[in-house]
N, C-alpha and C. Protein backbone atom coordinates (compact mmCIF):
# COMPACT_ATOMS: atom_id res chain seq x y z
N MET A 1 64.32 155.49 65.14
CA MET A 1 64.95 154.95 63.98
C MET A 1 63.87 154.67 62.94
N LEU A 2 64.10 155.12 61.72
CA LEU A 2 63.13 154.89 60.66
C LEU A 2 63.27 153.47 60.15
N ARG A 3 62.15 152.86 59.85
CA ARG A 3 62.17 151.52 59.28
C ARG A 3 62.47 151.60 57.80
N ARG A 4 62.93 150.52 57.25
CA ARG A 4 63.27 150.47 55.84
C ARG A 4 62.02 150.71 54.99
N VAL A 5 62.12 151.60 54.04
CA VAL A 5 60.99 151.98 53.19
C VAL A 5 61.02 151.10 51.95
N SER A 6 59.85 150.73 51.43
CA SER A 6 59.79 149.84 50.27
C SER A 6 60.50 150.47 49.08
N SER A 7 60.86 149.64 48.13
CA SER A 7 61.64 150.10 46.99
C SER A 7 60.89 151.08 46.11
N VAL A 8 59.59 151.23 46.33
CA VAL A 8 58.82 152.18 45.54
C VAL A 8 59.29 153.61 45.83
N PHE A 9 59.66 153.87 47.06
CA PHE A 9 60.14 155.19 47.44
C PHE A 9 61.63 155.26 47.11
N GLY A 10 62.03 156.35 46.50
CA GLY A 10 63.43 156.51 46.12
C GLY A 10 64.30 156.88 47.30
N THR A 11 65.60 156.78 47.10
CA THR A 11 66.56 157.12 48.14
C THR A 11 66.40 158.56 48.58
N VAL A 12 66.14 159.45 47.63
CA VAL A 12 65.99 160.87 47.96
C VAL A 12 64.80 161.07 48.90
N THR A 13 63.70 160.41 48.63
CA THR A 13 62.50 160.54 49.47
C THR A 13 62.79 160.05 50.88
N ARG A 14 63.48 158.92 51.00
CA ARG A 14 63.82 158.39 52.32
C ARG A 14 64.70 159.37 53.09
N ARG A 15 65.70 159.89 52.42
CA ARG A 15 66.61 160.82 53.10
C ARG A 15 65.89 162.09 53.50
N LEU A 16 65.03 162.62 52.63
CA LEU A 16 64.29 163.83 52.93
C LEU A 16 63.37 163.60 54.12
N LEU A 17 62.67 162.48 54.15
CA LEU A 17 61.79 162.16 55.27
C LEU A 17 62.59 161.98 56.55
N SER A 18 63.74 161.32 56.45
CA SER A 18 64.58 161.11 57.64
C SER A 18 65.05 162.44 58.21
N VAL A 19 65.53 163.32 57.35
CA VAL A 19 66.01 164.62 57.81
C VAL A 19 64.86 165.43 58.40
N SER A 20 63.67 165.39 57.75
CA SER A 20 62.51 166.13 58.25
C SER A 20 62.09 165.63 59.63
N LEU A 21 62.01 164.30 59.78
CA LEU A 21 61.59 163.74 61.06
C LEU A 21 62.63 164.03 62.15
N LEU A 22 63.92 163.92 61.81
CA LEU A 22 64.94 164.22 62.80
C LEU A 22 64.89 165.68 63.24
N ALA A 23 64.61 166.58 62.29
CA ALA A 23 64.47 167.99 62.66
C ALA A 23 63.29 168.19 63.58
N LEU A 24 62.18 167.51 63.30
CA LEU A 24 60.99 167.60 64.15
C LEU A 24 61.29 167.07 65.55
N VAL A 25 61.91 165.90 65.62
CA VAL A 25 62.22 165.29 66.91
C VAL A 25 63.23 166.15 67.67
N ALA A 26 64.24 166.66 66.98
CA ALA A 26 65.24 167.47 67.65
C ALA A 26 64.64 168.76 68.20
N GLY A 27 63.64 169.29 67.51
CA GLY A 27 63.01 170.52 67.96
C GLY A 27 62.03 170.32 69.10
N CYS A 28 61.51 169.11 69.26
CA CYS A 28 60.46 168.89 70.25
C CYS A 28 60.83 167.98 71.40
N ASN A 29 61.84 167.19 71.25
CA ASN A 29 62.13 166.18 72.26
C ASN A 29 63.41 166.53 73.00
N SER A 30 63.41 166.28 74.26
CA SER A 30 64.56 166.57 75.09
C SER A 30 64.53 165.66 76.29
N SER A 31 65.71 165.42 76.85
CA SER A 31 65.75 164.62 78.07
C SER A 31 65.39 165.44 79.29
N SER A 32 65.30 166.75 79.13
CA SER A 32 64.92 167.61 80.24
C SER A 32 63.42 167.53 80.46
N PRO A 33 62.98 167.24 81.71
CA PRO A 33 61.55 167.09 81.96
C PRO A 33 60.73 168.35 81.70
N THR A 34 61.33 169.52 81.73
CA THR A 34 60.57 170.75 81.52
C THR A 34 60.82 171.35 80.14
N SER A 35 61.57 170.66 79.28
CA SER A 35 61.85 171.17 77.95
C SER A 35 60.55 171.29 77.16
N GLY A 36 60.42 172.35 76.39
CA GLY A 36 59.26 172.53 75.54
C GLY A 36 58.06 173.12 76.25
N LEU A 37 58.20 173.56 77.49
CA LEU A 37 57.08 174.12 78.22
C LEU A 37 57.09 175.64 78.09
N THR A 38 55.91 176.19 77.90
CA THR A 38 55.76 177.64 77.89
C THR A 38 54.57 177.98 78.77
N SER A 39 54.54 179.20 79.25
CA SER A 39 53.45 179.58 80.15
C SER A 39 52.37 180.38 79.45
N ALA A 40 52.59 180.85 78.24
CA ALA A 40 51.59 181.62 77.53
C ALA A 40 51.67 181.30 76.05
N ALA A 41 50.63 181.67 75.32
CA ALA A 41 50.61 181.44 73.89
C ALA A 41 51.70 182.26 73.22
N PRO A 42 52.33 181.74 72.16
CA PRO A 42 53.35 182.50 71.46
C PRO A 42 52.77 183.81 70.95
N GLY A 43 53.53 184.88 71.07
CA GLY A 43 53.11 186.18 70.59
C GLY A 43 52.20 186.93 71.55
N ALA A 44 51.81 186.31 72.64
CA ALA A 44 50.94 186.99 73.60
C ALA A 44 51.76 188.05 74.34
N GLN A 45 51.20 189.25 74.43
CA GLN A 45 51.89 190.32 75.11
C GLN A 45 51.03 190.79 76.27
N THR A 46 51.68 191.02 77.40
CA THR A 46 50.98 191.54 78.56
C THR A 46 51.78 192.70 79.12
N GLU A 47 51.10 193.53 79.90
CA GLU A 47 51.78 194.67 80.47
C GLU A 47 52.62 194.27 81.67
N THR A 48 52.20 193.24 82.40
CA THR A 48 53.00 192.77 83.52
C THR A 48 53.62 191.44 83.15
N ALA A 49 54.70 191.11 83.80
CA ALA A 49 55.40 189.86 83.50
C ALA A 49 54.54 188.67 83.91
N MET A 50 54.43 187.70 83.02
CA MET A 50 53.68 186.47 83.30
C MET A 50 54.56 185.56 84.16
N PRO A 51 53.99 184.94 85.19
CA PRO A 51 54.79 184.00 85.97
C PRO A 51 55.12 182.78 85.12
N VAL A 52 56.30 182.25 85.29
CA VAL A 52 56.72 181.08 84.54
C VAL A 52 56.20 179.85 85.26
N VAL A 53 55.48 179.02 84.53
CA VAL A 53 54.95 177.78 85.09
C VAL A 53 55.79 176.64 84.55
N GLN A 54 56.44 175.92 85.42
CA GLN A 54 57.23 174.78 84.98
C GLN A 54 56.52 173.50 85.39
N ALA A 55 56.62 172.49 84.51
CA ALA A 55 55.95 171.23 84.79
C ALA A 55 56.68 170.11 84.07
N PHE A 56 56.51 168.91 84.57
CA PHE A 56 57.04 167.71 83.94
C PHE A 56 56.23 167.43 82.68
N CYS A 57 56.89 167.23 81.54
CA CYS A 57 56.23 166.92 80.27
C CYS A 57 56.34 165.41 80.06
N PRO A 58 55.23 164.67 80.18
CA PRO A 58 55.29 163.21 80.12
C PRO A 58 55.80 162.70 78.77
N PRO A 59 56.67 161.69 78.78
CA PRO A 59 57.18 161.13 77.53
C PRO A 59 56.12 160.27 76.83
N VAL A 60 56.32 160.04 75.54
CA VAL A 60 55.41 159.20 74.75
C VAL A 60 56.02 157.80 74.65
N VAL A 61 55.18 156.81 74.91
CA VAL A 61 55.60 155.41 74.75
C VAL A 61 54.63 154.73 73.80
N MET A 62 55.14 153.80 73.02
CA MET A 62 54.30 153.03 72.10
C MET A 62 53.80 151.77 72.80
N ARG A 63 52.56 151.46 72.59
CA ARG A 63 52.01 150.19 73.09
C ARG A 63 52.38 149.13 72.06
N GLU A 64 53.33 148.27 72.41
CA GLU A 64 53.81 147.27 71.46
C GLU A 64 52.69 146.41 70.90
N GLU A 65 51.76 146.01 71.77
CA GLU A 65 50.70 145.11 71.32
C GLU A 65 49.71 145.78 70.37
N THR A 66 49.70 147.12 70.29
CA THR A 66 48.77 147.82 69.40
C THR A 66 49.46 148.81 68.47
N ALA A 67 50.76 148.66 68.25
CA ALA A 67 51.48 149.58 67.37
C ALA A 67 51.35 149.20 65.89
N VAL A 68 50.72 148.04 65.60
CA VAL A 68 50.49 147.61 64.22
C VAL A 68 49.00 147.32 64.06
N TYR A 69 48.44 147.78 62.95
CA TYR A 69 47.02 147.61 62.67
C TYR A 69 46.86 147.01 61.28
N GLN A 70 46.12 145.93 61.17
CA GLN A 70 45.91 145.26 59.88
C GLN A 70 44.43 145.25 59.53
N THR A 71 44.14 145.46 58.24
CA THR A 71 42.78 145.41 57.74
C THR A 71 42.71 144.39 56.61
N TYR A 72 41.70 143.51 56.69
CA TYR A 72 41.52 142.45 55.71
C TYR A 72 40.22 142.65 54.93
N ALA A 73 40.17 142.05 53.74
CA ALA A 73 38.94 142.04 52.94
C ALA A 73 37.89 141.23 53.69
N ARG A 74 36.65 141.48 53.44
CA ARG A 74 35.54 140.81 54.12
C ARG A 74 35.71 139.29 54.06
N GLY A 75 35.62 138.66 55.23
CA GLY A 75 35.74 137.21 55.32
C GLY A 75 37.16 136.68 55.24
N GLY A 76 38.15 137.54 55.22
CA GLY A 76 39.53 137.09 55.05
C GLY A 76 40.42 137.33 56.25
N GLN A 77 39.85 137.46 57.44
CA GLN A 77 40.63 137.75 58.65
C GLN A 77 41.82 136.80 58.79
N ASP A 78 43.00 137.34 58.94
CA ASP A 78 44.27 136.62 59.12
C ASP A 78 44.72 135.84 57.89
N ASP A 79 44.08 136.04 56.73
CA ASP A 79 44.51 135.42 55.48
C ASP A 79 45.43 136.40 54.76
N PRO A 80 46.73 136.10 54.62
CA PRO A 80 47.68 137.04 54.01
C PRO A 80 47.28 137.51 52.61
N GLU A 81 46.57 136.67 51.87
CA GLU A 81 46.14 137.03 50.51
C GLU A 81 44.99 138.04 50.53
N LYS A 82 44.30 138.18 51.66
CA LYS A 82 43.15 139.10 51.78
C LYS A 82 43.52 140.38 52.54
N LEU A 83 44.82 140.55 52.85
CA LEU A 83 45.27 141.75 53.56
C LEU A 83 45.10 142.96 52.65
N ILE A 84 44.38 143.98 53.14
CA ILE A 84 44.22 145.22 52.39
C ILE A 84 45.43 146.12 52.66
N TYR A 85 45.71 146.37 53.93
CA TYR A 85 46.89 147.16 54.30
C TYR A 85 47.29 146.86 55.74
N GLN A 86 48.52 147.26 56.05
CA GLN A 86 49.03 147.17 57.42
C GLN A 86 49.61 148.53 57.77
N ALA A 87 49.15 149.08 58.88
CA ALA A 87 49.64 150.39 59.33
C ALA A 87 50.47 150.19 60.59
N SER A 88 51.46 151.04 60.76
CA SER A 88 52.29 150.97 61.97
C SER A 88 52.67 152.37 62.42
N LEU A 89 52.93 152.49 63.70
CA LEU A 89 53.41 153.74 64.29
C LEU A 89 54.85 153.53 64.72
N ALA A 90 55.68 154.54 64.54
CA ALA A 90 57.09 154.41 64.89
C ALA A 90 57.48 155.52 65.86
N ASP A 91 58.45 156.30 65.50
CA ASP A 91 58.97 157.34 66.37
C ASP A 91 57.89 158.35 66.76
N ALA A 92 57.93 158.77 68.02
CA ALA A 92 56.95 159.74 68.51
C ALA A 92 57.65 160.74 69.43
N THR A 93 57.05 161.89 69.54
CA THR A 93 57.57 162.92 70.44
C THR A 93 56.38 163.72 70.97
N ARG A 94 56.67 164.72 71.79
CA ARG A 94 55.63 165.55 72.36
C ARG A 94 56.19 166.92 72.70
N GLN A 95 55.27 167.86 72.86
CA GLN A 95 55.61 169.21 73.33
C GLN A 95 54.50 169.62 74.28
N CYS A 96 54.86 170.23 75.39
CA CYS A 96 53.88 170.61 76.39
C CYS A 96 53.84 172.12 76.61
N THR A 97 52.65 172.59 76.88
CA THR A 97 52.47 173.95 77.40
C THR A 97 51.68 173.80 78.69
N ALA A 98 51.90 174.72 79.62
CA ALA A 98 51.25 174.57 80.92
C ALA A 98 50.81 175.91 81.46
N ASN A 99 49.73 175.85 82.26
CA ASN A 99 49.36 176.98 83.09
C ASN A 99 49.21 176.43 84.51
N GLU A 100 48.63 177.17 85.41
CA GLU A 100 48.57 176.73 86.80
C GLU A 100 47.72 175.47 86.99
N THR A 101 46.77 175.21 86.10
CA THR A 101 45.85 174.08 86.30
C THR A 101 45.91 172.98 85.26
N THR A 102 46.45 173.26 84.06
CA THR A 102 46.38 172.31 82.96
C THR A 102 47.70 172.20 82.21
N ILE A 103 48.05 170.97 81.84
CA ILE A 103 49.15 170.72 80.91
C ILE A 103 48.52 170.29 79.60
N THR A 104 48.87 170.96 78.51
CA THR A 104 48.39 170.60 77.18
C THR A 104 49.56 169.98 76.42
N ILE A 105 49.33 168.75 75.93
CA ILE A 105 50.39 167.99 75.27
C ILE A 105 50.07 167.89 73.78
N ASN A 106 51.04 168.22 72.94
CA ASN A 106 50.94 168.02 71.49
C ASN A 106 51.72 166.75 71.18
N VAL A 107 51.02 165.68 70.83
CA VAL A 107 51.63 164.39 70.54
C VAL A 107 51.80 164.26 69.02
N VAL A 108 53.01 163.88 68.57
CA VAL A 108 53.31 163.73 67.16
C VAL A 108 54.00 162.38 66.97
N ALA A 109 53.58 161.63 65.94
CA ALA A 109 54.19 160.32 65.67
C ALA A 109 54.31 160.11 64.17
N GLN A 110 55.34 159.38 63.79
CA GLN A 110 55.53 158.97 62.41
C GLN A 110 54.81 157.65 62.21
N GLY A 111 54.15 157.50 61.07
CA GLY A 111 53.48 156.25 60.76
C GLY A 111 53.69 155.85 59.33
N ARG A 112 53.33 154.61 59.05
CA ARG A 112 53.52 154.07 57.71
C ARG A 112 52.38 153.10 57.41
N VAL A 113 51.92 153.13 56.17
CA VAL A 113 50.91 152.19 55.71
C VAL A 113 51.50 151.42 54.54
N VAL A 114 51.49 150.08 54.65
CA VAL A 114 52.01 149.22 53.60
C VAL A 114 50.84 148.51 52.95
N ALA A 115 50.82 148.52 51.62
CA ALA A 115 49.73 147.90 50.88
C ALA A 115 49.83 146.38 50.92
N GLY A 116 48.67 145.72 51.00
CA GLY A 116 48.59 144.27 50.93
C GLY A 116 48.10 143.85 49.56
N PRO A 117 47.98 142.54 49.31
CA PRO A 117 47.53 142.05 48.00
C PRO A 117 46.11 142.49 47.63
N ALA A 118 45.26 142.79 48.60
CA ALA A 118 43.87 143.16 48.31
C ALA A 118 43.64 144.67 48.37
N VAL A 119 44.69 145.47 48.24
CA VAL A 119 44.59 146.91 48.39
C VAL A 119 43.83 147.56 47.23
N THR A 120 43.13 148.64 47.54
CA THR A 120 42.58 149.56 46.55
C THR A 120 42.95 150.95 47.02
N ALA A 121 43.38 151.78 46.09
CA ALA A 121 43.80 153.14 46.45
C ALA A 121 42.59 153.94 46.92
N GLY A 122 42.84 154.90 47.80
CA GLY A 122 41.78 155.76 48.30
C GLY A 122 42.06 156.18 49.73
N GLN A 123 41.11 156.85 50.34
CA GLN A 123 41.30 157.30 51.71
C GLN A 123 40.93 156.20 52.69
N ILE A 124 41.79 156.02 53.70
CA ILE A 124 41.51 155.08 54.78
C ILE A 124 41.45 155.87 56.07
N THR A 125 40.85 155.27 57.09
CA THR A 125 40.78 155.91 58.40
C THR A 125 41.40 154.98 59.42
N LEU A 126 42.42 155.48 60.10
CA LEU A 126 43.12 154.69 61.11
C LEU A 126 42.59 155.04 62.50
N PRO A 127 42.29 154.03 63.32
CA PRO A 127 41.79 154.28 64.68
C PRO A 127 42.94 154.41 65.69
N VAL A 128 43.46 155.61 65.85
CA VAL A 128 44.60 155.84 66.74
C VAL A 128 44.08 156.11 68.16
N LEU A 129 44.66 155.43 69.13
CA LEU A 129 44.26 155.59 70.53
C LEU A 129 45.36 156.35 71.27
N VAL A 130 45.00 157.49 71.86
CA VAL A 130 45.91 158.29 72.66
C VAL A 130 45.45 158.22 74.10
N GLU A 131 46.33 157.78 74.99
CA GLU A 131 46.01 157.68 76.41
C GLU A 131 47.12 158.34 77.22
N VAL A 132 46.75 158.91 78.34
CA VAL A 132 47.73 159.38 79.32
C VAL A 132 47.46 158.59 80.59
N VAL A 133 48.51 157.95 81.09
CA VAL A 133 48.38 157.13 82.29
C VAL A 133 49.33 157.65 83.35
N ASP A 134 48.87 157.57 84.59
CA ASP A 134 49.71 157.89 85.75
C ASP A 134 49.79 156.61 86.55
N GLY A 135 50.89 155.89 86.40
CA GLY A 135 50.99 154.56 86.99
C GLY A 135 50.02 153.65 86.27
N ASP A 136 49.06 153.08 87.00
CA ASP A 136 48.03 152.22 86.41
C ASP A 136 46.73 152.95 86.12
N ASN A 137 46.64 154.22 86.47
CA ASN A 137 45.40 154.99 86.30
C ASN A 137 45.40 155.73 84.96
N VAL A 138 44.33 155.51 84.16
CA VAL A 138 44.17 156.24 82.91
C VAL A 138 43.53 157.59 83.25
N ILE A 139 44.24 158.69 82.94
CA ILE A 139 43.71 160.02 83.24
C ILE A 139 43.21 160.74 81.99
N TYR A 140 43.50 160.18 80.81
CA TYR A 140 43.00 160.74 79.55
C TYR A 140 42.98 159.59 78.54
N SER A 141 41.93 159.52 77.75
CA SER A 141 41.84 158.50 76.71
C SER A 141 40.93 159.01 75.60
N GLN A 142 41.44 158.98 74.36
CA GLN A 142 40.62 159.38 73.23
C GLN A 142 41.03 158.61 71.99
N LYS A 143 40.03 158.08 71.29
CA LYS A 143 40.24 157.45 69.99
C LYS A 143 40.12 158.53 68.93
N VAL A 144 41.11 158.58 68.03
CA VAL A 144 41.13 159.57 66.96
C VAL A 144 40.97 158.83 65.64
N SER A 145 39.95 159.17 64.87
CA SER A 145 39.78 158.62 63.53
C SER A 145 40.65 159.45 62.59
N PHE A 146 41.83 158.91 62.26
CA PHE A 146 42.84 159.67 61.54
C PHE A 146 42.82 159.30 60.05
N PRO A 147 42.44 160.24 59.15
CA PRO A 147 42.38 159.94 57.72
C PRO A 147 43.77 159.96 57.08
N VAL A 148 44.01 159.00 56.19
CA VAL A 148 45.26 158.92 55.43
C VAL A 148 44.90 158.62 53.98
N GLU A 149 45.48 159.37 53.06
CA GLU A 149 45.27 159.08 51.64
C GLU A 149 46.21 157.94 51.27
N MET A 150 45.63 156.83 50.81
CA MET A 150 46.37 155.59 50.56
C MET A 150 46.55 155.35 49.07
N PRO A 151 47.78 155.59 48.54
CA PRO A 151 48.03 155.19 47.16
C PRO A 151 48.21 153.67 47.10
N ALA A 152 48.16 153.10 45.93
CA ALA A 152 48.24 151.64 45.78
C ALA A 152 49.54 151.06 46.32
N ALA A 153 50.60 151.86 46.41
CA ALA A 153 51.89 151.34 46.85
C ALA A 153 52.14 151.52 48.35
N GLY A 154 51.28 152.22 49.06
CA GLY A 154 51.51 152.51 50.47
C GLY A 154 52.02 153.92 50.65
N THR A 155 52.13 154.35 51.90
CA THR A 155 52.55 155.73 52.16
C THR A 155 53.05 155.88 53.58
N GLN A 156 53.65 157.02 53.84
CA GLN A 156 54.04 157.39 55.20
C GLN A 156 53.18 158.58 55.62
N PHE A 157 53.02 158.77 56.93
CA PHE A 157 52.19 159.87 57.41
C PHE A 157 52.73 160.36 58.74
N ILE A 158 52.29 161.56 59.12
CA ILE A 158 52.61 162.14 60.42
C ILE A 158 51.28 162.34 61.15
N PHE A 159 51.15 161.67 62.31
CA PHE A 159 49.97 161.81 63.15
C PHE A 159 50.24 162.92 64.17
N SER A 160 49.24 163.77 64.40
CA SER A 160 49.38 164.84 65.39
C SER A 160 48.08 164.98 66.17
N LYS A 161 48.20 165.05 67.47
CA LYS A 161 47.06 165.31 68.37
C LYS A 161 47.51 166.45 69.28
N PRO A 162 47.16 167.70 68.94
CA PRO A 162 47.71 168.85 69.66
C PRO A 162 46.99 169.25 70.94
N ASP A 163 45.89 168.58 71.29
CA ASP A 163 45.06 169.10 72.38
C ASP A 163 44.82 168.10 73.51
N VAL A 164 45.82 167.31 73.84
CA VAL A 164 45.69 166.37 74.97
C VAL A 164 45.87 167.18 76.25
N GLN A 165 44.84 167.24 77.10
CA GLN A 165 44.92 168.05 78.31
C GLN A 165 44.77 167.20 79.56
N ILE A 166 45.70 167.42 80.50
CA ILE A 166 45.67 166.72 81.79
C ILE A 166 45.86 167.75 82.90
N PRO A 167 45.47 167.40 84.14
CA PRO A 167 45.64 168.34 85.25
C PRO A 167 47.12 168.62 85.51
N ASN A 168 47.41 169.86 85.89
CA ASN A 168 48.76 170.26 86.26
C ASN A 168 48.79 170.49 87.77
N ALA A 169 49.40 169.56 88.46
CA ALA A 169 49.55 169.70 89.91
C ALA A 169 50.79 170.53 90.21
N GLN A 170 51.04 170.81 91.46
CA GLN A 170 52.25 171.53 91.86
C GLN A 170 53.46 170.77 91.32
N GLY A 171 54.29 171.41 90.50
CA GLY A 171 55.48 170.77 89.95
C GLY A 171 55.20 169.94 88.71
N GLY A 172 53.98 169.96 88.22
CA GLY A 172 53.66 169.24 86.99
C GLY A 172 53.10 167.86 87.25
N ALA A 173 53.00 167.10 86.19
CA ALA A 173 52.46 165.75 86.27
C ALA A 173 53.43 164.86 87.06
N SER A 174 52.91 163.78 87.57
CA SER A 174 53.72 162.80 88.30
C SER A 174 54.81 162.25 87.38
N ARG A 175 55.93 161.86 87.95
CA ARG A 175 57.03 161.28 87.17
C ARG A 175 56.66 159.91 86.62
N PHE A 176 55.53 159.35 87.04
CA PHE A 176 55.05 158.07 86.54
C PHE A 176 54.06 158.25 85.39
N THR A 177 53.79 159.50 85.00
CA THR A 177 52.85 159.79 83.93
C THR A 177 53.50 159.56 82.57
N ARG A 178 52.76 158.88 81.68
CA ARG A 178 53.23 158.58 80.33
C ARG A 178 52.08 158.79 79.35
N VAL A 179 52.42 159.19 78.13
CA VAL A 179 51.46 159.23 77.04
C VAL A 179 51.63 157.92 76.28
N ARG A 180 50.55 157.11 76.20
CA ARG A 180 50.61 155.85 75.45
C ARG A 180 49.93 156.04 74.11
N LEU A 181 50.58 155.53 73.07
CA LEU A 181 50.08 155.70 71.71
C LEU A 181 50.02 154.34 71.03
N GLY A 182 48.94 154.07 70.34
CA GLY A 182 48.76 152.82 69.61
C GLY A 182 47.48 152.90 68.79
N PHE A 183 47.10 151.77 68.20
CA PHE A 183 45.85 151.70 67.47
C PHE A 183 44.78 151.12 68.37
N ASP A 184 43.55 151.54 68.17
CA ASP A 184 42.40 151.00 68.92
C ASP A 184 41.98 149.70 68.22
N ILE A 185 42.50 148.60 68.71
CA ILE A 185 42.26 147.29 68.10
C ILE A 185 41.27 146.52 68.96
N PRO A 186 40.13 146.13 68.39
CA PRO A 186 39.16 145.37 69.19
C PRO A 186 39.76 144.01 69.58
N ALA A 187 39.36 143.53 70.76
CA ALA A 187 39.84 142.23 71.24
C ALA A 187 39.30 141.13 70.33
N LYS A 188 40.16 140.14 70.05
CA LYS A 188 39.74 139.00 69.23
C LYS A 188 38.81 138.11 70.02
N ARG A 189 37.81 137.62 69.34
CA ARG A 189 36.81 136.78 70.02
C ARG A 189 37.13 135.33 69.84
């Protein structure tokens, strides 16, 4: 579900973004564990038939405690008047491709940056953390420095990490495997 967009964005922009995101999600997300899996690169041709590799495609979950990221002006930590911007991640999906040894996951998420009172327009870098966990075990973890062009009024963005690779066991990843998505937020001291 898309969150309410500030009044700066017109109704047409909201509807266009909603339709675009729904088309993206409808094309990539499915309740079927093997939906979106292919065994070879698109357009690849071989003389003999390629064996079909099926695998469980882990769902994406948001880390509630790190789904919002705030940046403040120097010396203004937690002061609402010194807030530069607040970024958040919302709807996410994934698409998997697999071979006999590896599952490659393309993670896509919708995000939004809202300007604070201390904002200045320009490029910002968001520290997005992508992890794959199997139960309590982290099997993949990478921080992505994701650039976003920030106008003075805020903006929406689409985050994509197309090269998340995990081992492909017989039958795919464990049913307890999840892709966790959030911001890399340092612990408060």
